[in-house]
Amino acid sequence: MATVQLNTEEIYKLLEDVKDPEIDTVSILDLGMVEDVTVSGQDVSVKMLPTFLGCPALSIIQKNVESALRQLPAVKNVSVEFLRSPSWTSDRITEKGKAGLKVFGISSSSTNEK
């Protein structure tokens, strides 16, 4: 039986559907929270930057990332690590993320839109 190879493109596609639990119009990718994705065989490691270190939703985000990635049959283990460095800044938010924040009623300080 052939082993299915995982690739980071598939992982990022699934992460697009993981929303911030407090702002459901924006994915963790569009917020710029995903720092790195590593695939090693059937194991996936996701390194993330919390929008702030005391964020109460980190455990929910971790569970949602794990659940999303386990949709792929080839994924056996998922590890999610929240990094303290580099610090997350609003400059990491994508244009799509800025639009999602605007829909939610939040304006990013880096958008320069008035």
PDB file of N, CA and C in Angstrom:
ATOM      1  N   MET A   1       0.839  -1.168   0.000  1.00  0.00           N
ATOM      2  CA  MET A   1       0.000   0.000   0.000  1.00  0.00           C
ATOM      3  C   MET A   1       0.897   1.249   0.000  1.00  0.00           C
ATOM      4  N   ALA A   2       0.667   2.140  -0.924  1.00  0.00           N
ATOM      5  CA  ALA A   2       1.477   3.345  -1.055  1.00  0.00           C
ATOM      6  C   ALA A   2       1.129   4.347   0.046  1.00  0.00           C
ATOM      7  N   THR A   3       2.144   5.032   0.514  1.00  0.00           N
ATOM      8  CA  THR A   3       1.931   6.070   1.511  1.00  0.00           C
ATOM      9  C   THR A   3       1.610   7.382   0.812  1.00  0.00           C
ATOM     10  N   VAL A   4       0.609   8.066   1.327  1.00  0.00           N
ATOM     11  CA  VAL A   4       0.236   9.358   0.765  1.00  0.00           C
ATOM     12  C   VAL A   4       1.179  10.416   1.318  1.00  0.00           C
ATOM     13  N   GLN A   5       1.777  11.192   0.416  1.00  0.00           N
ATOM     14  CA  GLN A   5       2.683  12.255   0.832  1.00  0.00           C
ATOM     15  C   GLN A   5       1.893  13.519   1.157  1.00  0.00           C
ATOM     16  N   LEU A   6       2.177  14.089   2.293  1.00  0.00           N
ATOM     17  CA  LEU A   6       1.567  15.363   2.667  1.00  0.00           C
ATOM     18  C   LEU A   6       2.423  16.486   2.113  1.00  0.00           C
ATOM     19  N   ASN A   7       1.792  17.598   1.782  1.00  0.00           N
ATOM     20  CA  ASN A   7       2.589  18.763   1.426  1.00  0.00           C
ATOM     21  C   ASN A   7       2.037  19.986   2.147  1.00  0.00           C
ATOM     22  N   THR A   8       2.888  20.982   2.292  1.00  0.00           N
ATOM     23  CA  THR A   8       2.496  22.164   3.062  1.00  0.00           C
ATOM     24  C   THR A   8       1.355  22.923   2.399  1.00  0.00           C
ATOM     25  N   GLU A   9       1.246  22.828   1.071  1.00  0.00           N
ATOM     26  CA  GLU A   9       0.153  23.511   0.369  1.00  0.00           C
ATOM     27  C   GLU A   9      -1.203  23.011   0.872  1.00  0.00           C
ATOM     28  N   GLU A  10      -1.334  21.701   1.041  1.00  0.00           N
ATOM     29  CA  GLU A  10      -2.584  21.116   1.561  1.00  0.00           C
ATOM     30  C   GLU A  10      -2.863  21.619   2.979  1.00  0.00           C
ATOM     31  N   ILE A  11      -1.806  21.707   3.761  1.00  0.00           N
ATOM     32  CA  ILE A  11      -1.953  22.144   5.152  1.00  0.00           C
ATOM     33  C   ILE A  11      -2.442  23.592   5.199  1.00  0.00           C
ATOM     34  N   TYR A  12      -1.792  24.457   4.408  1.00  0.00           N
ATOM     35  CA  TYR A  12      -2.204  25.868   4.383  1.00  0.00           C
ATOM     36  C   TYR A  12      -3.648  26.021   3.906  1.00  0.00           C
ATOM     37  N   LYS A  13      -4.057  25.177   2.957  1.00  0.00           N
ATOM     38  CA  LYS A  13      -5.434  25.247   2.457  1.00  0.00           C
ATOM     39  C   LYS A  13      -6.435  24.951   3.587  1.00  0.00           C
ATOM     40  N   LEU A  14      -6.130  23.966   4.402  1.00  0.00           N
ATOM     41  CA  LEU A  14      -7.001  23.649   5.542  1.00  0.00           C
ATOM     42  C   LEU A  14      -6.970  24.751   6.595  1.00  0.00           C
ATOM     43  N   LEU A  15      -5.805  25.363   6.798  1.00  0.00           N
ATOM     44  CA  LEU A  15      -5.692  26.427   7.795  1.00  0.00           C
ATOM     45  C   LEU A  15      -6.480  27.678   7.401  1.00  0.00           C
ATOM     46  N   GLU A  16      -6.747  27.834   6.106  1.00  0.00           N
ATOM     47  CA  GLU A  16      -7.567  28.969   5.649  1.00  0.00           C
ATOM     48  C   GLU A  16      -8.965  28.914   6.258  1.00  0.00           C
ATOM     49  N   ASP A  17      -9.420  27.722   6.630  1.00  0.00           N
ATOM     50  CA  ASP A  17     -10.766  27.551   7.184  1.00  0.00           C
ATOM     51  C   ASP A  17     -10.807  27.667   8.707  1.00  0.00           C
ATOM     52  N   VAL A  18      -9.637  27.792   9.343  1.00  0.00           N
ATOM     53  CA  VAL A  18      -9.610  27.924  10.801  1.00  0.00           C
ATOM     54  C   VAL A  18      -9.740  29.410  11.136  1.00  0.00           C
ATOM     55  N   LYS A  19     -10.869  29.761  11.713  1.00  0.00           N
ATOM     56  CA  LYS A  19     -11.169  31.161  12.028  1.00  0.00           C
ATOM     57  C   LYS A  19     -10.706  31.502  13.444  1.00  0.00           C
ATOM     58  N   ASP A  20     -10.467  32.776  13.655  1.00  0.00           N
ATOM     59  CA  ASP A  20     -10.219  33.255  15.004  1.00  0.00           C
ATOM     60  C   ASP A  20     -11.539  33.069  15.760  1.00  0.00           C
ATOM     61  N   PRO A  21     -11.538  32.395  16.914  1.00  0.00           N
ATOM     62  CA  PRO A  21     -12.793  32.134  17.629  1.00  0.00           C
ATOM     63  C   PRO A  21     -13.524  33.409  18.051  1.00  0.00           C
ATOM     64  N   GLU A  22     -12.788  34.503  18.217  1.00  0.00           N
ATOM     65  CA  GLU A  22     -13.413  35.745  18.656  1.00  0.00           C
ATOM     66  C   GLU A  22     -13.814  36.635  17.482  1.00  0.00           C
ATOM     67  N   ILE A  23     -13.199  36.398  16.312  1.00  0.00           N
ATOM     68  CA  ILE A  23     -13.496  37.200  15.112  1.00  0.00           C
ATOM     69  C   ILE A  23     -13.702  36.220  13.961  1.00  0.00           C
ATOM     70  N   ASP A  24     -14.932  35.739  13.782  1.00  0.00           N
ATOM     71  CA  ASP A  24     -15.191  34.644  12.836  1.00  0.00           C
ATOM     72  C   ASP A  24     -15.163  35.042  11.357  1.00  0.00           C
ATOM     73  N   THR A  25     -14.815  36.285  11.070  1.00  0.00           N
ATOM     74  CA  THR A  25     -14.716  36.709   9.670  1.00  0.00           C
ATOM     75  C   THR A  25     -13.280  36.633   9.152  1.00  0.00           C
ATOM     76  N   VAL A  26     -12.355  36.188  10.016  1.00  0.00           N
ATOM     77  CA  VAL A  26     -10.939  36.179   9.648  1.00  0.00           C
ATOM     78  C   VAL A  26     -10.291  34.853  10.040  1.00  0.00           C
ATOM     79  N   SER A  27      -9.516  34.288   9.110  1.00  0.00           N
ATOM     80  CA  SER A  27      -8.799  33.048   9.412  1.00  0.00           C
ATOM     81  C   SER A  27      -7.493  33.368  10.143  1.00  0.00           C
ATOM     82  N   ILE A  28      -6.958  32.349  10.791  1.00  0.00           N
ATOM     83  CA  ILE A  28      -5.677  32.521  11.470  1.00  0.00           C
ATOM     84  C   ILE A  28      -4.565  32.834  10.468  1.00  0.00           C
ATOM     85  N   LEU A  29      -4.726  32.357   9.236  1.00  0.00           N
ATOM     86  CA  LEU A  29      -3.749  32.682   8.185  1.00  0.00           C
ATOM     87  C   LEU A  29      -3.816  34.156   7.834  1.00  0.00           C
ATOM     88  N   ASP A  30      -5.033  34.667   7.625  1.00  0.00           N
ATOM     89  CA  ASP A  30      -5.193  36.066   7.245  1.00  0.00           C
ATOM     90  C   ASP A  30      -4.816  37.021   8.371  1.00  0.00           C
ATOM     91  N   LEU A  31      -4.875  36.548   9.609  1.00  0.00           N
ATOM     92  CA  LEU A  31      -4.417  37.362  10.728  1.00  0.00           C
ATOM     93  C   LEU A  31      -2.889  37.361  10.819  1.00  0.00           C
ATOM     94  N   GLY A  32      -2.256  36.466  10.082  1.00  0.00           N
ATOM     95  CA  GLY A  32      -0.801  36.385  10.126  1.00  0.00           C
ATOM     96  C   GLY A  32      -0.289  35.644  11.347  1.00  0.00           C
ATOM     97  N   MET A  33      -1.119  34.779  11.904  1.00  0.00           N
ATOM     98  CA  MET A  33      -0.723  34.039  13.101  1.00  0.00           C
ATOM     99  C   MET A  33       0.164  32.839  12.794  1.00  0.00           C
ATOM    100  N   VAL A  34       0.091  32.296  11.570  1.00  0.00           N
ATOM    101  CA  VAL A  34       0.865  31.101  11.229  1.00  0.00           C
ATOM    102  C   VAL A  34       2.260  31.534  10.796  1.00  0.00           C
ATOM    103  N   GLU A  35       3.242  31.148  11.583  1.00  0.00           N
ATOM    104  CA  GLU A  35       4.631  31.513  11.326  1.00  0.00           C
ATOM    105  C   GLU A  35       5.323  30.465  10.464  1.00  0.00           C
ATOM    106  N   ASP A  36       5.024  29.173  10.731  1.00  0.00           N
ATOM    107  CA  ASP A  36       5.733  28.110  10.020  1.00  0.00           C
ATOM    108  C   ASP A  36       4.920  26.818  10.062  1.00  0.00           C
ATOM    109  N   VAL A  37       4.980  26.077   8.953  1.00  0.00           N
ATOM    110  CA  VAL A  37       4.366  24.751   8.886  1.00  0.00           C
ATOM    111  C   VAL A  37       5.439  23.785   8.403  1.00  0.00           C
ATOM    112  N   THR A  38       5.619  22.704   9.151  1.00  0.00           N
ATOM    113  CA  THR A  38       6.597  21.694   8.785  1.00  0.00           C
ATOM    114  C   THR A  38       5.903  20.342   8.677  1.00  0.00           C
ATOM    115  N   VAL A  39       6.183  19.636   7.598  1.00  0.00           N
ATOM    116  CA  VAL A  39       5.631  18.299   7.405  1.00  0.00           C
ATOM    117  C   VAL A  39       6.790  17.311   7.423  1.00  0.00           C
ATOM    118  N   SER A  40       6.672  16.293   8.260  1.00  0.00           N
ATOM    119  CA  SER A  40       7.678  15.241   8.336  1.00  0.00           C
ATOM    120  C   SER A  40       6.944  13.911   8.349  1.00  0.00           C
ATOM    121  N   GLY A  41       6.888  13.255   7.180  1.00  0.00           N
ATOM    122  CA  GLY A  41       6.126  12.017   7.073  1.00  0.00           C
ATOM    123  C   GLY A  41       4.657  12.294   7.291  1.00  0.00           C
ATOM    124  N   GLN A  42       4.085  11.698   8.353  1.00  0.00           N
ATOM    125  CA  GLN A  42       2.672  11.891   8.679  1.00  0.00           C
ATOM    126  C   GLN A  42       2.472  12.889   9.821  1.00  0.00           C
ATOM    127  N   ASP A  43       3.563  13.538  10.211  1.00  0.00           N
ATOM    128  CA  ASP A  43       3.510  14.485  11.315  1.00  0.00           C
ATOM    129  C   ASP A  43       3.538  15.917  10.781  1.00  0.00           C
ATOM    130  N   VAL A  44       2.678  16.753  11.356  1.00  0.00           N
ATOM    131  CA  VAL A  44       2.607  18.162  10.961  1.00  0.00           C
ATOM    132  C   VAL A  44       2.856  19.015  12.197  1.00  0.00           C
ATOM    133  N   SER A  45       3.752  19.980  12.047  1.00  0.00           N
ATOM    134  CA  SER A  45       4.043  20.917  13.111  1.00  0.00           C
ATOM    135  C   SER A  45       3.670  22.314  12.632  1.00  0.00           C
ATOM    136  N   VAL A  46       2.881  23.016  13.440  1.00  0.00           N
ATOM    137  CA  VAL A  46       2.462  24.370  13.105  1.00  0.00           C
ATOM    138  C   VAL A  46       2.966  25.297  14.206  1.00  0.00           C
ATOM    139  N   LYS A  47       3.767  26.275  13.807  1.00  0.00           N
ATOM    140  CA  LYS A  47       4.255  27.278  14.760  1.00  0.00           C
ATOM    141  C   LYS A  47       3.463  28.548  14.522  1.00  0.00           C
ATOM    142  N   MET A  48       2.939  29.090  15.608  1.00  0.00           N
ATOM    143  CA  MET A  48       2.041  30.237  15.498  1.00  0.00           C
ATOM    144  C   MET A  48       2.462  31.361  16.421  1.00  0.00           C
ATOM    145  N   LEU A  49       2.066  32.563  16.018  1.00  0.00           N
ATOM    146  CA  LEU A  49       2.282  33.746  16.844  1.00  0.00           C
ATOM    147  C   LEU A  49       0.933  34.187  17.394  1.00  0.00           C
ATOM    148  N   PRO A  50       0.770  34.185  18.701  1.00  0.00           N
ATOM    149  CA  PRO A  50      -0.490  34.680  19.254  1.00  0.00           C
ATOM    150  C   PRO A  50      -0.594  36.186  19.019  1.00  0.00           C
ATOM    151  N   THR A  51      -1.794  36.672  18.796  1.00  0.00           N
ATOM    152  CA  THR A  51      -1.975  38.104  18.599  1.00  0.00           C
ATOM    153  C   THR A  51      -1.586  38.855  19.873  1.00  0.00           C
ATOM    154  N   PHE A  52      -1.760  38.230  21.022  1.00  0.00           N
ATOM    155  CA  PHE A  52      -1.158  38.704  22.272  1.00  0.00           C
ATOM    156  C   PHE A  52      -1.007  37.506  23.190  1.00  0.00           C
ATOM    157  N   LEU A  53       0.048  37.512  24.012  1.00  0.00           N
ATOM    158  CA  LEU A  53       0.405  36.321  24.788  1.00  0.00           C
ATOM    159  C   LEU A  53      -0.663  35.858  25.766  1.00  0.00           C
ATOM    160  N   GLY A  54      -1.462  36.771  26.282  1.00  0.00           N
ATOM    161  CA  GLY A  54      -2.489  36.374  27.236  1.00  0.00           C
ATOM    162  C   GLY A  54      -3.819  36.005  26.603  1.00  0.00           C
ATOM    163  N   CYS A  55      -3.822  35.808  25.286  1.00  0.00           N
ATOM    164  CA  CYS A  55      -5.063  35.543  24.561  1.00  0.00           C
ATOM    165  C   CYS A  55      -5.777  34.314  25.137  1.00  0.00           C
ATOM    166  N   PRO A  56      -7.024  34.480  25.607  1.00  0.00           N
ATOM    167  CA  PRO A  56      -7.747  33.363  26.203  1.00  0.00           C
ATOM    168  C   PRO A  56      -8.189  32.306  25.187  1.00  0.00           C
ATOM    169  N   ALA A  57      -8.114  32.623  23.902  1.00  0.00           N
ATOM    170  CA  ALA A  57      -8.605  31.694  22.878  1.00  0.00           C
ATOM    171  C   ALA A  57      -7.522  30.762  22.324  1.00  0.00           C
ATOM    172  N   LEU A  58      -6.303  30.824  22.846  1.00  0.00           N
ATOM    173  CA  LEU A  58      -5.217  30.014  22.275  1.00  0.00           C
ATOM    174  C   LEU A  58      -5.517  28.518  22.308  1.00  0.00           C
ATOM    175  N   SER A  59      -6.095  28.030  23.400  1.00  0.00           N
ATOM    176  CA  SER A  59      -6.388  26.585  23.473  1.00  0.00           C
ATOM    177  C   SER A  59      -7.463  26.203  22.458  1.00  0.00           C
ATOM    178  N   ILE A  60      -8.409  27.102  22.214  1.00  0.00           N
ATOM    179  CA  ILE A  60      -9.453  26.840  21.210  1.00  0.00           C
ATOM    180  C   ILE A  60      -8.826  26.835  19.813  1.00  0.00           C
ATOM    181  N   ILE A  61      -7.967  27.803  19.552  1.00  0.00           N
ATOM    182  CA  ILE A  61      -7.287  27.856  18.250  1.00  0.00           C
ATOM    183  C   ILE A  61      -6.473  26.586  18.043  1.00  0.00           C
ATOM    184  N   GLN A  62      -5.751  26.159  19.073  1.00  0.00           N
ATOM    185  CA  GLN A  62      -4.948  24.940  18.979  1.00  0.00           C
ATOM    186  C   GLN A  62      -5.830  23.741  18.630  1.00  0.00           C
ATOM    187  N   LYS A  63      -6.942  23.575  19.325  1.00  0.00           N
ATOM    188  CA  LYS A  63      -7.849  22.453  19.052  1.00  0.00           C
ATOM    189  C   LYS A  63      -8.424  22.542  17.639  1.00  0.00           C
ATOM    190  N   ASN A  64      -8.770  23.760  17.199  1.00  0.00           N
ATOM    191  CA  ASN A  64      -9.333  23.930  15.860  1.00  0.00           C
ATOM    192  C   ASN A  64      -8.307  23.617  14.776  1.00  0.00           C
ATOM    193  N   VAL A  65      -7.054  23.993  14.995  1.00  0.00           N
ATOM    194  CA  VAL A  65      -5.983  23.666  14.037  1.00  0.00           C
ATOM    195  C   VAL A  65      -5.807  22.152  13.977  1.00  0.00           C
ATOM    196  N   GLU A  66      -5.738  21.525  15.138  1.00  0.00           N
ATOM    197  CA  GLU A  66      -5.572  20.061  15.185  1.00  0.00           C
ATOM    198  C   GLU A  66      -6.733  19.362  14.484  1.00  0.00           C
ATOM    199  N   SER A  67      -7.948  19.773  14.760  1.00  0.00           N
ATOM    200  CA  SER A  67      -9.130  19.158  14.126  1.00  0.00           C
ATOM    201  C   SER A  67      -9.114  19.346  12.616  1.00  0.00           C
ATOM    202  N   ALA A  68      -8.777  20.557  12.178  1.00  0.00           N
ATOM    203  CA  ALA A  68      -8.757  20.830  10.733  1.00  0.00           C
ATOM    204  C   ALA A  68      -7.731  19.953  10.021  1.00  0.00           C
ATOM    205  N   LEU A  69      -6.544  19.820  10.586  1.00  0.00           N
ATOM    206  CA  LEU A  69      -5.484  19.066   9.914  1.00  0.00           C
ATOM    207  C   LEU A  69      -5.715  17.565   9.974  1.00  0.00           C
ATOM    208  N   ARG A  70      -6.423  17.108  10.985  1.00  0.00           N
ATOM    209  CA  ARG A  70      -6.714  15.670  11.083  1.00  0.00           C
ATOM    210  C   ARG A  70      -7.779  15.233  10.076  1.00  0.00           C
ATOM    211  N   GLN A  71      -8.349  16.194   9.333  1.00  0.00           N
ATOM    212  CA  GLN A  71      -9.274  15.833   8.252  1.00  0.00           C
ATOM    213  C   GLN A  71      -8.534  15.091   7.146  1.00  0.00           C
ATOM    214  N   LEU A  72      -7.240  15.348   7.037  1.00  0.00           N
ATOM    215  CA  LEU A  72      -6.450  14.649   6.020  1.00  0.00           C
ATOM    216  C   LEU A  72      -6.091  13.263   6.547  1.00  0.00           C
ATOM    217  N   PRO A  73      -6.489  12.222   5.824  1.00  0.00           N
ATOM    218  CA  PRO A  73      -6.207  10.865   6.305  1.00  0.00           C
ATOM    219  C   PRO A  73      -4.714  10.593   6.495  1.00  0.00           C
ATOM    220  N   ALA A  74      -3.858  11.280   5.755  1.00  0.00           N
ATOM    221  CA  ALA A  74      -2.414  11.042   5.845  1.00  0.00           C
ATOM    222  C   ALA A  74      -1.788  11.661   7.091  1.00  0.00           C
ATOM    223  N   VAL A  75      -2.522  12.518   7.795  1.00  0.00           N
ATOM    224  CA  VAL A  75      -1.983  13.167   8.990  1.00  0.00           C
ATOM    225  C   VAL A  75      -2.175  12.252  10.191  1.00  0.00           C
ATOM    226  N   LYS A  76      -1.056  11.933  10.838  1.00  0.00           N
ATOM    227  CA  LYS A  76      -1.125  11.088  12.031  1.00  0.00           C
ATOM    228  C   LYS A  76      -1.001  11.930  13.300  1.00  0.00           C
ATOM    229  N   ASN A  77      -0.024  12.815  13.338  1.00  0.00           N
ATOM    230  CA  ASN A  77       0.210  13.642  14.517  1.00  0.00           C
ATOM    231  C   ASN A  77       0.248  15.117  14.142  1.00  0.00           C
ATOM    232  N   VAL A  78      -0.327  15.943  15.003  1.00  0.00           N
ATOM    233  CA  VAL A  78      -0.313  17.394  14.800  1.00  0.00           C
ATOM    234  C   VAL A  78       0.221  18.034  16.074  1.00  0.00           C
ATOM    235  N   SER A  79       1.209  18.902  15.912  1.00  0.00           N
ATOM    236  CA  SER A  79       1.653  19.679  17.068  1.00  0.00           C
ATOM    237  C   SER A  79       1.505  21.158  16.733  1.00  0.00           C
ATOM    238  N   VAL A  80       0.987  21.897  17.699  1.00  0.00           N
ATOM    239  CA  VAL A  80       0.794  23.340  17.551  1.00  0.00           C
ATOM    240  C   VAL A  80       1.591  24.007  18.662  1.00  0.00           C
ATOM    241  N   GLU A  81       2.476  24.906  18.260  1.00  0.00           N
ATOM    242  CA  GLU A  81       3.302  25.615  19.234  1.00  0.00           C
ATOM    243  C   GLU A  81       3.105  27.116  19.064  1.00  0.00           C
ATOM    244  N   PHE A  82       2.870  27.799  20.168  1.00  0.00           N
ATOM    245  CA  PHE A  82       2.745  29.257  20.143  1.00  0.00           C
ATOM    246  C   PHE A  82       4.084  29.852  20.536  1.00  0.00           C
ATOM    247  N   LEU A  83       4.625  30.658  19.635  1.00  0.00           N
ATOM    248  CA  LEU A  83       5.941  31.254  19.841  1.00  0.00           C
ATOM    249  C   LEU A  83       5.827  32.596  20.560  1.00  0.00           C
ATOM    250  N   ARG A  84       6.843  32.924  21.325  1.00  0.00           N
ATOM    251  CA  ARG A  84       6.906  34.226  21.986  1.00  0.00           C
ATOM    252  C   ARG A  84       7.680  35.229  21.134  1.00  0.00           C
ATOM    253  N   SER A  85       8.427  34.716  20.179  1.00  0.00           N
ATOM    254  CA  SER A  85       9.238  35.587  19.332  1.00  0.00           C
ATOM    255  C   SER A  85       9.275  35.009  17.931  1.00  0.00           C
ATOM    256  N   PRO A  86       9.138  35.775  16.877  1.00  0.00           N
ATOM    257  CA  PRO A  86       8.960  37.221  16.901  1.00  0.00           C
ATOM    258  C   PRO A  86       7.560  37.573  17.406  1.00  0.00           C
ATOM    259  N   SER A  87       7.386  38.797  17.797  1.00  0.00           N
ATOM    260  CA  SER A  87       6.081  39.252  18.266  1.00  0.00           C
ATOM    261  C   SER A  87       5.152  39.462  17.070  1.00  0.00           C
ATOM    262  N   TRP A  88       3.884  39.117  17.266  1.00  0.00           N
ATOM    263  CA  TRP A  88       2.883  39.368  16.230  1.00  0.00           C
ATOM    264  C   TRP A  88       2.637  40.869  16.160  1.00  0.00           C
ATOM    265  N   THR A  89       2.470  41.390  14.936  1.00  0.00           N
ATOM    266  CA  THR A  89       2.075  42.790  14.765  1.00  0.00           C
ATOM    267  C   THR A  89       0.965  42.838  13.725  1.00  0.00           C
ATOM    268  N   SER A  90       0.240  43.940  13.693  1.00  0.00           N
ATOM    269  CA  SER A  90      -0.866  44.072  12.735  1.00  0.00           C
ATOM    270  C   SER A  90      -0.356  44.133  11.296  1.00  0.00           C
ATOM    271  N   ASP A  91       0.948  44.359  11.106  1.00  0.00           N
ATOM    272  CA  ASP A  91       1.524  44.356   9.751  1.00  0.00           C
ATOM    273  C   ASP A  91       1.418  42.980   9.096  1.00  0.00           C
ATOM    274  N   ARG A  92       1.210  41.934   9.891  1.00  0.00           N
ATOM    275  CA  ARG A  92       1.131  40.569   9.367  1.00  0.00           C
ATOM    276  C   ARG A  92      -0.236  40.247   8.761  1.00  0.00           C
ATOM    277  N   ILE A  93      -1.224  41.089   9.001  1.00  0.00           N
ATOM    278  CA  ILE A  93      -2.588  40.836   8.509  1.00  0.00           C
ATOM    279  C   ILE A  93      -2.622  41.024   6.996  1.00  0.00           C
ATOM    280  N   THR A  94      -3.186  40.049   6.295  1.00  0.00           N
ATOM    281  CA  THR A  94      -3.284  40.122   4.831  1.00  0.00           C
ATOM    282  C   THR A  94      -4.394  41.099   4.433  1.00  0.00           C
ATOM    283  N   GLU A  95      -4.438  41.436   3.148  1.00  0.00           N
ATOM    284  CA  GLU A  95      -5.515  42.306   2.649  1.00  0.00           C
ATOM    285  C   GLU A  95      -6.878  41.653   2.889  1.00  0.00           C
ATOM    286  N   LYS A  96      -6.953  40.344   2.659  1.00  0.00           N
ATOM    287  CA  LYS A  96      -8.197  39.616   2.911  1.00  0.00           C
ATOM    288  C   LYS A  96      -8.561  39.685   4.391  1.00  0.00           C
ATOM    289  N   GLY A  97      -7.548  39.600   5.244  1.00  0.00           N
ATOM    290  CA  GLY A  97      -7.762  39.700   6.677  1.00  0.00           C
ATOM    291  C   GLY A  97      -8.262  41.075   7.082  1.00  0.00           C
ATOM    292  N   LYS A  98      -7.689  42.117   6.484  1.00  0.00           N
ATOM    293  CA  LYS A  98      -8.127  43.489   6.779  1.00  0.00           C
ATOM    294  C   LYS A  98      -9.592  43.681   6.377  1.00  0.00           C
ATOM    295  N   ALA A  99      -9.963  43.100   5.237  1.00  0.00           N
ATOM    296  CA  ALA A  99     -11.359  43.185   4.783  1.00  0.00           C
ATOM    297  C   ALA A  99     -12.273  42.447   5.760  1.00  0.00           C
ATOM    298  N   GLY A 100     -11.847  41.273   6.233  1.00  0.00           N
ATOM    299  CA  GLY A 100     -12.636  40.501   7.199  1.00  0.00           C
ATOM    300  C   GLY A 100     -12.791  41.230   8.520  1.00  0.00           C
ATOM    301  N   LEU A 101     -11.730  41.906   8.960  1.00  0.00           N
ATOM    302  CA  LEU A 101     -11.803  42.687  10.195  1.00  0.00           C
ATOM    303  C   LEU A 101     -12.776  43.851  10.040  1.00  0.00           C
ATOM    304  N   LYS A 102     -12.744  44.462   8.860  1.00  0.00           N
ATOM    305  CA  LYS A 102     -13.632  45.592   8.594  1.00  0.00           C
ATOM    306  C   LYS A 102     -15.096  45.140   8.653  1.00  0.00           C
ATOM    307  N   VAL A 103     -15.385  43.969   8.077  1.00  0.00           N
ATOM    308  CA  VAL A 103     -16.740  43.403   8.117  1.00  0.00           C
ATOM    309  C   VAL A 103     -17.166  43.190   9.571  1.00  0.00           C
ATOM    310  N   PHE A 104     -16.220  42.776  10.389  1.00  0.00           N
ATOM    311  CA  PHE A 104     -16.500  42.519  11.798  1.00  0.00           C
ATOM    312  C   PHE A 104     -16.631  43.822  12.592  1.00  0.00           C
ATOM    313  N   GLY A 105     -16.166  44.929  11.995  1.00  0.00           N
ATOM    314  CA  GLY A 105     -16.251  46.223  12.664  1.00  0.00           C
ATOM    315  C   GLY A 105     -14.959  46.677  13.304  1.00  0.00           C
ATOM    316  N   ILE A 106     -13.849  46.029  12.923  1.00  0.00           N
ATOM    317  CA  ILE A 106     -12.543  46.394  13.455  1.00  0.00           C
ATOM    318  C   ILE A 106     -11.699  46.936  12.315  1.00  0.00           C
ATOM    319  N   SER A 107     -11.048  48.047  12.548  1.00  0.00           N
ATOM    320  CA  SER A 107     -10.145  48.620  11.555  1.00  0.00           C
ATOM    321  C   SER A 107      -8.719  48.364  11.992  1.00  0.00           C
ATOM    322  N   SER A 108      -7.922  47.787  11.113  1.00  0.00           N
ATOM    323  CA  SER A 108      -6.518  47.546  11.417  1.00  0.00           C
ATOM    324  C   SER A 108      -5.774  48.873  11.374  1.00  0.00           C
ATOM    325  N   SER A 109      -4.906  49.097  12.312  1.00  0.00           N
ATOM    326  CA  SER A 109      -4.166  50.356  12.367  1.00  0.00           C
ATOM    327  C   SER A 109      -3.223  50.525  11.190  1.00  0.00           C
ATOM    328  N   SER A 110      -2.932  49.448  10.491  1.00  0.00           N
ATOM    329  CA  SER A 110      -1.994  49.552   9.362  1.00  0.00           C
ATOM    330  C   SER A 110      -2.697  49.680   8.010  1.00  0.00           C
ATOM    331  N   THR A 111      -4.023  49.790   8.000  1.00  0.00           N
ATOM    332  CA  THR A 111      -4.715  49.838   6.726  1.00  0.00           C
ATOM    333  C   THR A 111      -4.726  51.228   6.099  1.00  0.00           C
ATOM    334  N   ASN A 112      -4.566  52.265   6.902  1.00  0.00           N
ATOM    335  CA  ASN A 112      -4.573  53.652   6.399  1.00  0.00           C
ATOM    336  C   ASN A 112      -5.861  54.039   5.671  1.00  0.00           C
ATOM    337  N   GLU A 113      -6.930  53.292   5.864  1.00  0.00           N
ATOM    338  CA  GLU A 113      -8.207  53.620   5.210  1.00  0.00           C
ATOM    339  C   GLU A 113      -9.044  54.429   6.179  1.00  0.00           C
ATOM    340  N   LYS A 114      -9.620  55.490   5.695  1.00  0.00           N
ATOM    341  CA  LYS A 114     -10.475  56.328   6.557  1.00  0.00           C
ATOM    342  C   LYS A 114     -11.881  56.365   6.010  1.00  0.00           C
TER     343      LYS A 114
END
